Amino acid sequence: MVVRLPFEKSKNLICSCQNLLEYTKPKIRMVAIVIGLMAPSLPAIANGEIYYRLLEIEKINALKIADGDYEQTMSLFEQECQDLLWWCANLEASSRPLVESLPSWDGVAVLRDFEVES
């Protein structure tokens, strides 16, 4: 079994990412909204964390510089834009297994450090 993001949610997130890419200096609030859509979708998106972290870090840094003012602007650099493009390109086809596979124990001896008395 796999977990997928519902169609409407994935379309909404893709549109939000595309909209954000139209700005070179978006308001921090706009970036926070997109991050707020990404974060709850991470359990259903394989590798989503990799393409989410830098945007989150840059938003936090921008907020520090802006003294917590979400109406200030921040820069989107090449890597953040690439990460947003990854979300646009991979979101609809991405899924994640409901249960991650457990490591194989074939050929592994289990040692115990206690005695069983009968």
PDB file of N, CA and C in Angstrom:
ATOM      1  N   MET A   1       0.838  -1.181   0.000  1.00  0.00           N
ATOM      2  CA  MET A   1       0.000   0.000   0.000  1.00  0.00           C
ATOM      3  C   MET A   1       0.884   1.246   0.000  1.00  0.00           C
ATOM      4  N   VAL A   2       0.395   2.252  -0.691  1.00  0.00           N
ATOM      5  CA  VAL A   2       1.117   3.508  -0.754  1.00  0.00           C
ATOM      6  C   VAL A   2       0.200   4.663  -0.363  1.00  0.00           C
ATOM      7  N   VAL A   3       0.816   5.747   0.048  1.00  0.00           N
ATOM      8  CA  VAL A   3       0.089   6.957   0.410  1.00  0.00           C
ATOM      9  C   VAL A   3       0.346   7.984  -0.685  1.00  0.00           C
ATOM     10  N   ARG A   4      -0.704   8.585  -1.175  1.00  0.00           N
ATOM     11  CA  ARG A   4      -0.605   9.638  -2.191  1.00  0.00           C
ATOM     12  C   ARG A   4      -1.358  10.863  -1.718  1.00  0.00           C
ATOM     13  N   LEU A   5      -0.931  12.000  -2.208  1.00  0.00           N
ATOM     14  CA  LEU A   5      -1.638  13.235  -1.933  1.00  0.00           C
ATOM     15  C   LEU A   5      -2.888  13.271  -2.814  1.00  0.00           C
ATOM     16  N   PRO A   6      -4.043  13.656  -2.277  1.00  0.00           N
ATOM     17  CA  PRO A   6      -5.244  13.757  -3.115  1.00  0.00           C
ATOM     18  C   PRO A   6      -5.021  14.725  -4.278  1.00  0.00           C
ATOM     19  N   PHE A   7      -5.702  14.461  -5.381  1.00  0.00           N
ATOM     20  CA  PHE A   7      -5.521  15.228  -6.615  1.00  0.00           C
ATOM     21  C   PHE A   7      -5.682  16.728  -6.389  1.00  0.00           C
ATOM     22  N   GLU A   8      -6.737  17.141  -5.708  1.00  0.00           N
ATOM     23  CA  GLU A   8      -6.987  18.571  -5.500  1.00  0.00           C
ATOM     24  C   GLU A   8      -5.884  19.227  -4.672  1.00  0.00           C
ATOM     25  N   LYS A   9      -5.394  18.519  -3.669  1.00  0.00           N
ATOM     26  CA  LYS A   9      -4.322  19.080  -2.838  1.00  0.00           C
ATOM     27  C   LYS A   9      -3.029  19.198  -3.626  1.00  0.00           C
ATOM     28  N   SER A  10      -2.735  18.207  -4.456  1.00  0.00           N
ATOM     29  CA  SER A  10      -1.511  18.282  -5.257  1.00  0.00           C
ATOM     30  C   SER A  10      -1.612  19.415  -6.280  1.00  0.00           C
ATOM     31  N   LYS A  11      -2.766  19.577  -6.913  1.00  0.00           N
ATOM     32  CA  LYS A  11      -2.959  20.678  -7.868  1.00  0.00           C
ATOM     33  C   LYS A  11      -2.811  22.033  -7.182  1.00  0.00           C
ATOM     34  N   ASN A  12      -3.374  22.166  -5.988  1.00  0.00           N
ATOM     35  CA  ASN A  12      -3.276  23.415  -5.228  1.00  0.00           C
ATOM     36  C   ASN A  12      -1.823  23.733  -4.891  1.00  0.00           C
ATOM     37  N   LEU A  13      -1.075  22.733  -4.471  1.00  0.00           N
ATOM     38  CA  LEU A  13       0.330  22.943  -4.124  1.00  0.00           C
ATOM     39  C   LEU A  13       1.154  23.278  -5.363  1.00  0.00           C
ATOM     40  N   ILE A  14       0.899  22.609  -6.467  1.00  0.00           N
ATOM     41  CA  ILE A  14       1.617  22.899  -7.714  1.00  0.00           C
ATOM     42  C   ILE A  14       1.346  24.331  -8.156  1.00  0.00           C
ATOM     43  N   CYS A  15       0.093  24.745  -8.127  1.00  0.00           N
ATOM     44  CA  CYS A  15      -0.259  26.123  -8.509  1.00  0.00           C
ATOM     45  C   CYS A  15       0.411  27.138  -7.585  1.00  0.00           C
ATOM     46  N   SER A  16       0.461  26.830  -6.299  1.00  0.00           N
ATOM     47  CA  SER A  16       1.098  27.733  -5.336  1.00  0.00           C
ATOM     48  C   SER A  16       2.597  27.843  -5.598  1.00  0.00           C
ATOM     49  N   CYS A  17       3.243  26.727  -5.921  1.00  0.00           N
ATOM     50  CA  CYS A  17       4.679  26.746  -6.230  1.00  0.00           C
ATOM     51  C   CYS A  17       4.934  27.541  -7.513  1.00  0.00           C
ATOM     52  N   GLN A  18       4.115  27.317  -8.526  1.00  0.00           N
ATOM     53  CA  GLN A  18       4.271  28.044  -9.777  1.00  0.00           C
ATOM     54  C   GLN A  18       4.059  29.540  -9.570  1.00  0.00           C
ATOM     55  N   ASN A  19       3.074  29.890  -8.773  1.00  0.00           N
ATOM     56  CA  ASN A  19       2.810  31.288  -8.474  1.00  0.00           C
ATOM     57  C   ASN A  19       4.007  31.925  -7.758  1.00  0.00           C
ATOM     58  N   LEU A  20       4.577  31.213  -6.812  1.00  0.00           N
ATOM     59  CA  LEU A  20       5.729  31.726  -6.073  1.00  0.00           C
ATOM     60  C   LEU A  20       6.935  31.920  -6.994  1.00  0.00           C
ATOM     61  N   LEU A  21       7.085  31.040  -7.974  1.00  0.00           N
ATOM     62  CA  LEU A  21       8.211  31.136  -8.906  1.00  0.00           C
ATOM     63  C   LEU A  21       8.138  32.376  -9.791  1.00  0.00           C
ATOM     64  N   GLU A  22       6.990  33.006  -9.880  1.00  0.00           N
ATOM     65  CA  GLU A  22       6.836  34.210 -10.689  1.00  0.00           C
ATOM     66  C   GLU A  22       7.504  35.426 -10.038  1.00  0.00           C
ATOM     67  N   TYR A  23       7.832  35.319  -8.766  1.00  0.00           N
ATOM     68  CA  TYR A  23       8.434  36.429  -8.027  1.00  0.00           C
ATOM     69  C   TYR A  23       9.911  36.157  -7.774  1.00  0.00           C
ATOM     70  N   THR A  24      10.733  37.173  -7.962  1.00  0.00           N
ATOM     71  CA  THR A  24      12.140  37.038  -7.576  1.00  0.00           C
ATOM     72  C   THR A  24      12.327  37.446  -6.119  1.00  0.00           C
ATOM     73  N   LYS A  25      11.462  38.335  -5.639  1.00  0.00           N
ATOM     74  CA  LYS A  25      11.508  38.770  -4.241  1.00  0.00           C
ATOM     75  C   LYS A  25      10.088  38.744  -3.664  1.00  0.00           C
ATOM     76  N   PRO A  26       9.598  37.547  -3.354  1.00  0.00           N
ATOM     77  CA  PRO A  26       8.239  37.455  -2.803  1.00  0.00           C
ATOM     78  C   PRO A  26       8.200  37.896  -1.342  1.00  0.00           C
ATOM     79  N   LYS A  27       7.013  38.205  -0.877  1.00  0.00           N
ATOM     80  CA  LYS A  27       6.847  38.477   0.557  1.00  0.00           C
ATOM     81  C   LYS A  27       7.092  37.179   1.317  1.00  0.00           C
ATOM     82  N   ILE A  28       7.616  37.326   2.512  1.00  0.00           N
ATOM     83  CA  ILE A  28       7.885  36.157   3.351  1.00  0.00           C
ATOM     84  C   ILE A  28       6.590  35.393   3.601  1.00  0.00           C
ATOM     85  N   ARG A  29       5.486  36.102   3.704  1.00  0.00           N
ATOM     86  CA  ARG A  29       4.182  35.476   3.917  1.00  0.00           C
ATOM     87  C   ARG A  29       3.833  34.505   2.781  1.00  0.00           C
ATOM     88  N   MET A  30       4.145  34.883   1.546  1.00  0.00           N
ATOM     89  CA  MET A  30       3.863  34.003   0.401  1.00  0.00           C
ATOM     90  C   MET A  30       4.658  32.702   0.501  1.00  0.00           C
ATOM     91  N   VAL A  31       5.918  32.830   0.881  1.00  0.00           N
ATOM     92  CA  VAL A  31       6.773  31.649   1.041  1.00  0.00           C
ATOM     93  C   VAL A  31       6.247  30.783   2.183  1.00  0.00           C
ATOM     94  N   ALA A  32       5.845  31.415   3.267  1.00  0.00           N
ATOM     95  CA  ALA A  32       5.320  30.674   4.420  1.00  0.00           C
ATOM     96  C   ALA A  32       4.048  29.914   4.056  1.00  0.00           C
ATOM     97  N   ILE A  33       3.213  30.498   3.213  1.00  0.00           N
ATOM     98  CA  ILE A  33       1.986  29.812   2.793  1.00  0.00           C
ATOM     99  C   ILE A  33       2.313  28.561   2.003  1.00  0.00           C
ATOM    100  N   VAL A  34       3.262  28.657   1.086  1.00  0.00           N
ATOM    101  CA  VAL A  34       3.655  27.481   0.293  1.00  0.00           C
ATOM    102  C   VAL A  34       4.272  26.416   1.204  1.00  0.00           C
ATOM    103  N   ILE A  35       5.121  26.835   2.130  1.00  0.00           N
ATOM    104  CA  ILE A  35       5.708  25.882   3.082  1.00  0.00           C
ATOM    105  C   ILE A  35       4.602  25.231   3.915  1.00  0.00           C
ATOM    106  N   GLY A  36       3.598  26.015   4.277  1.00  0.00           N
ATOM    107  CA  GLY A  36       2.468  25.481   5.039  1.00  0.00           C
ATOM    108  C   GLY A  36       1.661  24.457   4.263  1.00  0.00           C
ATOM    109  N   LEU A  37       1.707  24.520   2.943  1.00  0.00           N
ATOM    110  CA  LEU A  37       1.061  23.491   2.116  1.00  0.00           C
ATOM    111  C   LEU A  37       1.965  22.274   1.946  1.00  0.00           C
ATOM    112  N   MET A  38       3.270  22.511   1.900  1.00  0.00           N
ATOM    113  CA  MET A  38       4.224  21.411   1.717  1.00  0.00           C
ATOM    114  C   MET A  38       4.320  20.521   2.954  1.00  0.00           C
ATOM    115  N   ALA A  39       4.435  21.146   4.115  1.00  0.00           N
ATOM    116  CA  ALA A  39       4.728  20.400   5.347  1.00  0.00           C
ATOM    117  C   ALA A  39       3.758  19.250   5.609  1.00  0.00           C
ATOM    118  N   PRO A  40       2.437  19.457   5.548  1.00  0.00           N
ATOM    119  CA  PRO A  40       1.556  18.325   5.826  1.00  0.00           C
ATOM    120  C   PRO A  40       1.518  17.273   4.714  1.00  0.00           C
ATOM    121  N   SER A  41       2.054  17.608   3.556  1.00  0.00           N
ATOM    122  CA  SER A  41       2.062  16.639   2.464  1.00  0.00           C
ATOM    123  C   SER A  41       3.292  15.734   2.493  1.00  0.00           C
ATOM    124  N   LEU A  42       4.276  16.056   3.326  1.00  0.00           N
ATOM    125  CA  LEU A  42       5.528  15.295   3.352  1.00  0.00           C
ATOM    126  C   LEU A  42       5.357  13.799   3.597  1.00  0.00           C
ATOM    127  N   PRO A  43       4.427  13.356   4.455  1.00  0.00           N
ATOM    128  CA  PRO A  43       4.291  11.912   4.633  1.00  0.00           C
ATOM    129  C   PRO A  43       3.889  11.163   3.361  1.00  0.00           C
ATOM    130  N   ALA A  44       3.327  11.862   2.387  1.00  0.00           N
ATOM    131  CA  ALA A  44       2.889  11.212   1.154  1.00  0.00           C
ATOM    132  C   ALA A  44       3.848  11.422  -0.009  1.00  0.00           C
ATOM    133  N   ILE A  45       4.889  12.211   0.176  1.00  0.00           N
ATOM    134  CA  ILE A  45       5.784  12.567  -0.918  1.00  0.00           C
ATOM    135  C   ILE A  45       7.183  12.022  -0.661  1.00  0.00           C
ATOM    136  N   ALA A  46       7.583  11.043  -1.459  1.00  0.00           N
ATOM    137  CA  ALA A  46       8.931  10.500  -1.322  1.00  0.00           C
ATOM    138  C   ALA A  46       9.943  11.585  -1.660  1.00  0.00           C
ATOM    139  N   ASN A  47      10.938  11.744  -0.839  1.00  0.00           N
ATOM    140  CA  ASN A  47      12.017  12.724  -0.987  1.00  0.00           C
ATOM    141  C   ASN A  47      11.568  14.169  -0.828  1.00  0.00           C
ATOM    142  N   GLY A  48      10.352  14.390  -0.401  1.00  0.00           N
ATOM    143  CA  GLY A  48       9.862  15.751  -0.244  1.00  0.00           C
ATOM    144  C   GLY A  48      10.661  16.564   0.760  1.00  0.00           C
ATOM    145  N   GLU A  49      11.134  15.913   1.818  1.00  0.00           N
ATOM    146  CA  GLU A  49      11.895  16.626   2.847  1.00  0.00           C
ATOM    147  C   GLU A  49      13.149  17.273   2.275  1.00  0.00           C
ATOM    148  N   ILE A  50      13.766  16.594   1.315  1.00  0.00           N
ATOM    149  CA  ILE A  50      15.003  17.097   0.714  1.00  0.00           C
ATOM    150  C   ILE A  50      14.748  18.419  -0.005  1.00  0.00           C
ATOM    151  N   TYR A  51      13.597  18.513  -0.660  1.00  0.00           N
ATOM    152  CA  TYR A  51      13.283  19.685  -1.476  1.00  0.00           C
ATOM    153  C   TYR A  51      12.425  20.712  -0.738  1.00  0.00           C
ATOM    154  N   TYR A  52      12.329  20.552   0.552  1.00  0.00           N
ATOM    155  CA  TYR A  52      11.524  21.434   1.394  1.00  0.00           C
ATOM    156  C   TYR A  52      12.392  22.209   2.381  1.00  0.00           C
ATOM    157  N   ARG A  53      13.449  21.582   2.866  1.00  0.00           N
ATOM    158  CA  ARG A  53      14.255  22.118   3.963  1.00  0.00           C
ATOM    159  C   ARG A  53      14.878  23.473   3.660  1.00  0.00           C
ATOM    160  N   LEU A  54      15.506  23.610   2.492  1.00  0.00           N
ATOM    161  CA  LEU A  54      16.211  24.854   2.185  1.00  0.00           C
ATOM    162  C   LEU A  54      15.254  26.041   2.145  1.00  0.00           C
ATOM    163  N   LEU A  55      14.085  25.838   1.583  1.00  0.00           N
ATOM    164  CA  LEU A  55      13.094  26.913   1.542  1.00  0.00           C
ATOM    165  C   LEU A  55      12.681  27.315   2.962  1.00  0.00           C
ATOM    166  N   GLU A  56      12.518  26.331   3.821  1.00  0.00           N
ATOM    167  CA  GLU A  56      12.171  26.594   5.221  1.00  0.00           C
ATOM    168  C   GLU A  56      13.302  27.357   5.931  1.00  0.00           C
ATOM    169  N   ILE A  57      14.528  26.936   5.716  1.00  0.00           N
ATOM    170  CA  ILE A  57      15.680  27.597   6.341  1.00  0.00           C
ATOM    171  C   ILE A  57      15.792  29.041   5.864  1.00  0.00           C
ATOM    172  N   GLU A  58      15.643  29.260   4.573  1.00  0.00           N
ATOM    173  CA  GLU A  58      15.746  30.616   4.029  1.00  0.00           C
ATOM    174  C   GLU A  58      14.614  31.509   4.527  1.00  0.00           C
ATOM    175  N   LYS A  59      13.424  30.940   4.708  1.00  0.00           N
ATOM    176  CA  LYS A  59      12.306  31.713   5.257  1.00  0.00           C
ATOM    177  C   LYS A  59      12.609  32.138   6.696  1.00  0.00           C
ATOM    178  N   ILE A  60      13.146  31.220   7.486  1.00  0.00           N
ATOM    179  CA  ILE A  60      13.504  31.530   8.871  1.00  0.00           C
ATOM    180  C   ILE A  60      14.567  32.623   8.914  1.00  0.00           C
ATOM    181  N   ASN A  61      15.576  32.511   8.052  1.00  0.00           N
ATOM    182  CA  ASN A  61      16.626  33.531   8.004  1.00  0.00           C
ATOM    183  C   ASN A  61      16.060  34.892   7.594  1.00  0.00           C
ATOM    184  N   ALA A  62      15.164  34.894   6.624  1.00  0.00           N
ATOM    185  CA  ALA A  62      14.555  36.148   6.175  1.00  0.00           C
ATOM    186  C   ALA A  62      13.719  36.771   7.295  1.00  0.00           C
ATOM    187  N   LEU A  63      13.009  35.940   8.049  1.00  0.00           N
ATOM    188  CA  LEU A  63      12.220  36.454   9.177  1.00  0.00           C
ATOM    189  C   LEU A  63      13.107  37.074  10.252  1.00  0.00           C
ATOM    190  N   LYS A  64      14.260  36.467  10.487  1.00  0.00           N
ATOM    191  CA  LYS A  64      15.198  37.032  11.466  1.00  0.00           C
ATOM    192  C   LYS A  64      15.664  38.407  11.019  1.00  0.00           C
ATOM    193  N   ILE A  65      16.014  38.523   9.756  1.00  0.00           N
ATOM    194  CA  ILE A  65      16.482  39.807   9.220  1.00  0.00           C
ATOM    195  C   ILE A  65      15.359  40.843   9.254  1.00  0.00           C
ATOM    196  N   ALA A  66      14.123  40.401   8.995  1.00  0.00           N
ATOM    197  CA  ALA A  66      12.971  41.316   8.932  1.00  0.00           C
ATOM    198  C   ALA A  66      12.331  41.532  10.298  1.00  0.00           C
ATOM    199  N   ASP A  67      12.942  41.052  11.350  1.00  0.00           N
ATOM    200  CA  ASP A  67      12.397  41.184  12.708  1.00  0.00           C
ATOM    201  C   ASP A  67      10.982  40.623  12.819  1.00  0.00           C
ATOM    202  N   GLY A  68      10.750  39.487  12.166  1.00  0.00           N
ATOM    203  CA  GLY A  68       9.460  38.808  12.272  1.00  0.00           C
ATOM    204  C   GLY A  68       8.352  39.392  11.422  1.00  0.00           C
ATOM    205  N   ASP A  69       8.665  40.327  10.542  1.00  0.00           N
ATOM    206  CA  ASP A  69       7.648  40.972   9.701  1.00  0.00           C
ATOM    207  C   ASP A  69       7.436  40.153   8.422  1.00  0.00           C
ATOM    208  N   TYR A  70       6.310  39.463   8.361  1.00  0.00           N
ATOM    209  CA  TYR A  70       5.991  38.617   7.207  1.00  0.00           C
ATOM    210  C   TYR A  70       5.702  39.416   5.940  1.00  0.00           C
ATOM    211  N   GLU A  71       5.508  40.720   6.055  1.00  0.00           N
ATOM    212  CA  GLU A  71       5.216  41.549   4.884  1.00  0.00           C
ATOM    213  C   GLU A  71       6.493  42.004   4.171  1.00  0.00           C
ATOM    214  N   GLN A  72       7.652  41.771   4.765  1.00  0.00           N
ATOM    215  CA  GLN A  72       8.911  42.080   4.102  1.00  0.00           C
ATOM    216  C   GLN A  72       9.166  41.066   2.989  1.00  0.00           C
ATOM    217  N   THR A  73      10.045  41.419   2.080  1.00  0.00           N
ATOM    218  CA  THR A  73      10.356  40.500   0.978  1.00  0.00           C
ATOM    219  C   THR A  73      11.623  39.712   1.288  1.00  0.00           C
ATOM    220  N   MET A  74      11.778  38.630   0.558  1.00  0.00           N
ATOM    221  CA  MET A  74      12.983  37.814   0.662  1.00  0.00           C
ATOM    222  C   MET A  74      13.383  37.396  -0.743  1.00  0.00           C
ATOM    223  N   SER A  75      14.611  37.000  -0.901  1.00  0.00           N
ATOM    224  CA  SER A  75      15.096  36.569  -2.212  1.00  0.00           C
ATOM    225  C   SER A  75      14.911  35.067  -2.368  1.00  0.00           C
ATOM    226  N   LEU A  76      14.533  34.676  -3.557  1.00  0.00           N
ATOM    227  CA  LEU A  76      14.527  33.259  -3.918  1.00  0.00           C
ATOM    228  C   LEU A  76      15.742  33.030  -4.809  1.00  0.00           C
ATOM    229  N   PHE A  77      16.694  32.274  -4.320  1.00  0.00           N
ATOM    230  CA  PHE A  77      17.911  32.003  -5.070  1.00  0.00           C
ATOM    231  C   PHE A  77      17.705  30.787  -5.968  1.00  0.00           C
ATOM    232  N   GLU A  78      18.700  30.481  -6.764  1.00  0.00           N
ATOM    233  CA  GLU A  78      18.606  29.410  -7.761  1.00  0.00           C
ATOM    234  C   GLU A  78      18.185  28.075  -7.137  1.00  0.00           C
ATOM    235  N   GLN A  79      18.788  27.700  -6.017  1.00  0.00           N
ATOM    236  CA  GLN A  79      18.475  26.400  -5.419  1.00  0.00           C
ATOM    237  C   GLN A  79      17.030  26.333  -4.920  1.00  0.00           C
ATOM    238  N   GLU A  80      16.542  27.410  -4.319  1.00  0.00           N
ATOM    239  CA  GLU A  80      15.149  27.413  -3.872  1.00  0.00           C
ATOM    240  C   GLU A  80      14.204  27.289  -5.069  1.00  0.00           C
ATOM    241  N   CYS A  81      14.544  27.977  -6.169  1.00  0.00           N
ATOM    242  CA  CYS A  81      13.720  27.881  -7.383  1.00  0.00           C
ATOM    243  C   CYS A  81      13.756  26.457  -7.943  1.00  0.00           C
ATOM    244  N   GLN A  82      14.921  25.833  -7.919  1.00  0.00           N
ATOM    245  CA  GLN A  82      15.034  24.446  -8.384  1.00  0.00           C
ATOM    246  C   GLN A  82      14.194  23.505  -7.514  1.00  0.00           C
ATOM    247  N   ASP A  83      14.202  23.747  -6.208  1.00  0.00           N
ATOM    248  CA  ASP A  83      13.401  22.925  -5.305  1.00  0.00           C
ATOM    249  C   ASP A  83      11.908  23.092  -5.589  1.00  0.00           C
ATOM    250  N   LEU A  84      11.471  24.325  -5.830  1.00  0.00           N
ATOM    251  CA  LEU A  84      10.063  24.555  -6.173  1.00  0.00           C
ATOM    252  C   LEU A  84       9.704  23.882  -7.498  1.00  0.00           C
ATOM    253  N   LEU A  85      10.614  23.926  -8.455  1.00  0.00           N
ATOM    254  CA  LEU A  85      10.379  23.239  -9.741  1.00  0.00           C
ATOM    255  C   LEU A  85      10.282  21.730  -9.546  1.00  0.00           C
ATOM    256  N   TRP A  86      11.087  21.189  -8.601  1.00  0.00           N
ATOM    257  CA  TRP A  86      11.005  19.754  -8.316  1.00  0.00           C
ATOM    258  C   TRP A  86       9.596  19.401  -7.832  1.00  0.00           C
ATOM    259  N   TRP A  87       9.047  20.220  -6.932  1.00  0.00           N
ATOM    260  CA  TRP A  87       7.702  19.968  -6.427  1.00  0.00           C
ATOM    261  C   TRP A  87       6.694  19.992  -7.575  1.00  0.00           C
ATOM    262  N   CYS A  88       6.830  20.949  -8.474  1.00  0.00           N
ATOM    263  CA  CYS A  88       5.899  21.050  -9.606  1.00  0.00           C
ATOM    264  C   CYS A  88       5.995  19.822 -10.508  1.00  0.00           C
ATOM    265  N   ALA A  89       7.200  19.345 -10.739  1.00  0.00           N
ATOM    266  CA  ALA A  89       7.416  18.232 -11.664  1.00  0.00           C
ATOM    267  C   ALA A  89       7.106  16.865 -11.063  1.00  0.00           C
ATOM    268  N   ASN A  90       7.262  16.710  -9.757  1.00  0.00           N
ATOM    269  CA  ASN A  90       7.189  15.373  -9.160  1.00  0.00           C
ATOM    270  C   ASN A  90       5.995  15.126  -8.254  1.00  0.00           C
ATOM    271  N   LEU A  91       5.246  16.133  -7.954  1.00  0.00           N
ATOM    272  CA  LEU A  91       4.203  15.993  -6.941  1.00  0.00           C
ATOM    273  C   LEU A  91       3.104  15.015  -7.341  1.00  0.00           C
ATOM    274  N   GLU A  92       2.599  15.131  -8.546  1.00  0.00           N
ATOM    275  CA  GLU A  92       1.464  14.282  -8.945  1.00  0.00           C
ATOM    276  C   GLU A  92       1.827  12.800  -8.998  1.00  0.00           C
ATOM    277  N   ALA A  93       3.055  12.479  -9.374  1.00  0.00           N
ATOM    278  CA  ALA A  93       3.454  11.077  -9.514  1.00  0.00           C
ATOM    279  C   ALA A  93       4.065  10.501  -8.244  1.00  0.00           C
ATOM    280  N   SER A  94       4.299  11.328  -7.256  1.00  0.00           N
ATOM    281  CA  SER A  94       4.996  10.870  -6.063  1.00  0.00           C
ATOM    282  C   SER A  94       4.061  10.160  -5.091  1.00  0.00           C
ATOM    283  N   SER A  95       4.623   9.173  -4.421  1.00  0.00           N
ATOM    284  CA  SER A  95       3.900   8.443  -3.377  1.00  0.00           C
ATOM    285  C   SER A  95       4.934   7.898  -2.407  1.00  0.00           C
ATOM    286  N   ARG A  96       4.450   7.345  -1.326  1.00  0.00           N
ATOM    287  CA  ARG A  96       5.338   6.764  -0.325  1.00  0.00           C
ATOM    288  C   ARG A  96       4.671   5.504   0.225  1.00  0.00           C
ATOM    289  N   PRO A  97       5.470   4.465   0.464  1.00  0.00           N
ATOM    290  CA  PRO A  97       4.879   3.253   1.049  1.00  0.00           C
ATOM    291  C   PRO A  97       4.264   3.542   2.412  1.00  0.00           C
ATOM    292  N   LEU A  98       3.116   2.923   2.665  1.00  0.00           N
ATOM    293  CA  LEU A  98       2.441   3.109   3.934  1.00  0.00           C
ATOM    294  C   LEU A  98       3.298   2.586   5.080  1.00  0.00           C
ATOM    295  N   VAL A  99       3.949   1.455   4.850  1.00  0.00           N
ATOM    296  CA  VAL A  99       4.861   0.871   5.839  1.00  0.00           C
ATOM    297  C   VAL A  99       6.200   0.688   5.164  1.00  0.00           C
ATOM    298  N   GLU A 100       7.222   1.310   5.722  1.00  0.00           N
ATOM    299  CA  GLU A 100       8.565   1.143   5.183  1.00  0.00           C
ATOM    300  C   GLU A 100       8.990  -0.305   5.402  1.00  0.00           C
ATOM    301  N   SER A 101       9.714  -0.848   4.442  1.00  0.00           N
ATOM    302  CA  SER A 101      10.133  -2.244   4.564  1.00  0.00           C
ATOM    303  C   SER A 101      11.133  -2.398   5.712  1.00  0.00           C
ATOM    304  N   LEU A 102      11.025  -3.498   6.399  1.00  0.00           N
ATOM    305  CA  LEU A 102      11.921  -3.794   7.518  1.00  0.00           C
ATOM    306  C   LEU A 102      13.188  -4.438   6.983  1.00  0.00           C
ATOM    307  N   PRO A 103      14.289  -4.278   7.671  1.00  0.00           N
ATOM    308  CA  PRO A 103      15.530  -4.904   7.201  1.00  0.00           C
ATOM    309  C   PRO A 103      15.403  -6.420   7.234  1.00  0.00           C
ATOM    310  N   SER A 104      16.073  -7.050   6.305  1.00  0.00           N
ATOM    311  CA  SER A 104      16.052  -8.511   6.231  1.00  0.00           C
ATOM    312  C   SER A 104      16.934  -9.086   7.337  1.00  0.00           C
ATOM    313  N   TRP A 105      16.428 -10.135   7.971  1.00  0.00           N
ATOM    314  CA  TRP A 105      17.178 -10.776   9.047  1.00  0.00           C
ATOM    315  C   TRP A 105      17.726 -12.134   8.628  1.00  0.00           C
ATOM    316  N   ASP A 106      17.700 -12.431   7.348  1.00  0.00           N
ATOM    317  CA  ASP A 106      18.209 -13.715   6.866  1.00  0.00           C
ATOM    318  C   ASP A 106      19.695 -13.857   7.186  1.00  0.00           C
ATOM    319  N   GLY A 107      20.047 -14.952   7.760  1.00  0.00           N
ATOM    320  CA  GLY A 107      21.440 -15.237   8.042  1.00  0.00           C
ATOM    321  C   GLY A 107      22.006 -14.524   9.255  1.00  0.00           C
ATOM    322  N   VAL A 108      21.170 -13.872  10.015  1.00  0.00           N
ATOM    323  CA  VAL A 108      21.645 -13.163  11.199  1.00  0.00           C
ATOM    324  C   VAL A 108      21.317 -14.008  12.426  1.00  0.00           C
ATOM    325  N   ALA A 109      22.323 -14.253  13.243  1.00  0.00           N
ATOM    326  CA  ALA A 109      22.103 -15.021  14.464  1.00  0.00           C
ATOM    327  C   ALA A 109      21.704 -14.063  15.580  1.00  0.00           C
ATOM    328  N   VAL A 110      20.678 -14.423  16.307  1.00  0.00           N
ATOM    329  CA  VAL A 110      20.243 -13.614  17.446  1.00  0.00           C
ATOM    330  C   VAL A 110      20.820 -14.239  18.700  1.00  0.00           C
ATOM    331  N   LEU A 111      21.617 -13.461  19.398  1.00  0.00           N
ATOM    332  CA  LEU A 111      22.215 -13.946  20.635  1.00  0.00           C
ATOM    333  C   LEU A 111      21.429 -13.404  21.810  1.00  0.00           C
ATOM    334  N   ARG A 112      21.301 -14.180  22.823  1.00  0.00           N
ATOM    335  CA  ARG A 112      20.604 -13.697  24.004  1.00  0.00           C
ATOM    336  C   ARG A 112      21.529 -13.795  25.200  1.00  0.00           C
ATOM    337  N   ASP A 113      21.329 -12.889  26.112  1.00  0.00           N
ATOM    338  CA  ASP A 113      22.205 -12.843  27.270  1.00  0.00           C
ATOM    339  C   ASP A 113      21.510 -13.273  28.533  1.00  0.00           C
ATOM    340  N   PHE A 114      20.558 -14.154  28.409  1.00  0.00           N
ATOM    341  CA  PHE A 114      19.868 -14.651  29.590  1.00  0.00           C
ATOM    342  C   PHE A 114      19.630 -16.142  29.408  1.00  0.00           C
ATOM    343  N   GLU A 115      19.385 -16.807  30.509  1.00  0.00           N
ATOM    344  CA  GLU A 115      19.122 -18.247  30.507  1.00  0.00           C
ATOM    345  C   GLU A 115      17.654 -18.485  30.777  1.00  0.00           C
ATOM    346  N   VAL A 116      17.114 -19.454  30.155  1.00  0.00           N
ATOM    347  CA  VAL A 116      15.740 -19.838  30.393  1.00  0.00           C
ATOM    348  C   VAL A 116      15.744 -21.050  31.291  1.00  0.00           C
ATOM    349  N   GLU A 117      15.071 -20.961  32.428  1.00  0.00           N
ATOM    350  CA  GLU A 117      15.007 -22.099  33.336  1.00  0.00           C
ATOM    351  C   GLU A 117      13.690 -22.847  33.114  1.00  0.00           C
ATOM    352  N   SER A 118      13.764 -24.140  33.177  1.00  0.00           N
ATOM    353  CA  SER A 118      12.544 -24.931  33.014  1.00  0.00           C
ATOM    354  C   SER A 118      12.069 -25.510  34.313  1.00  0.00           C
TER     355      SER A 118
END
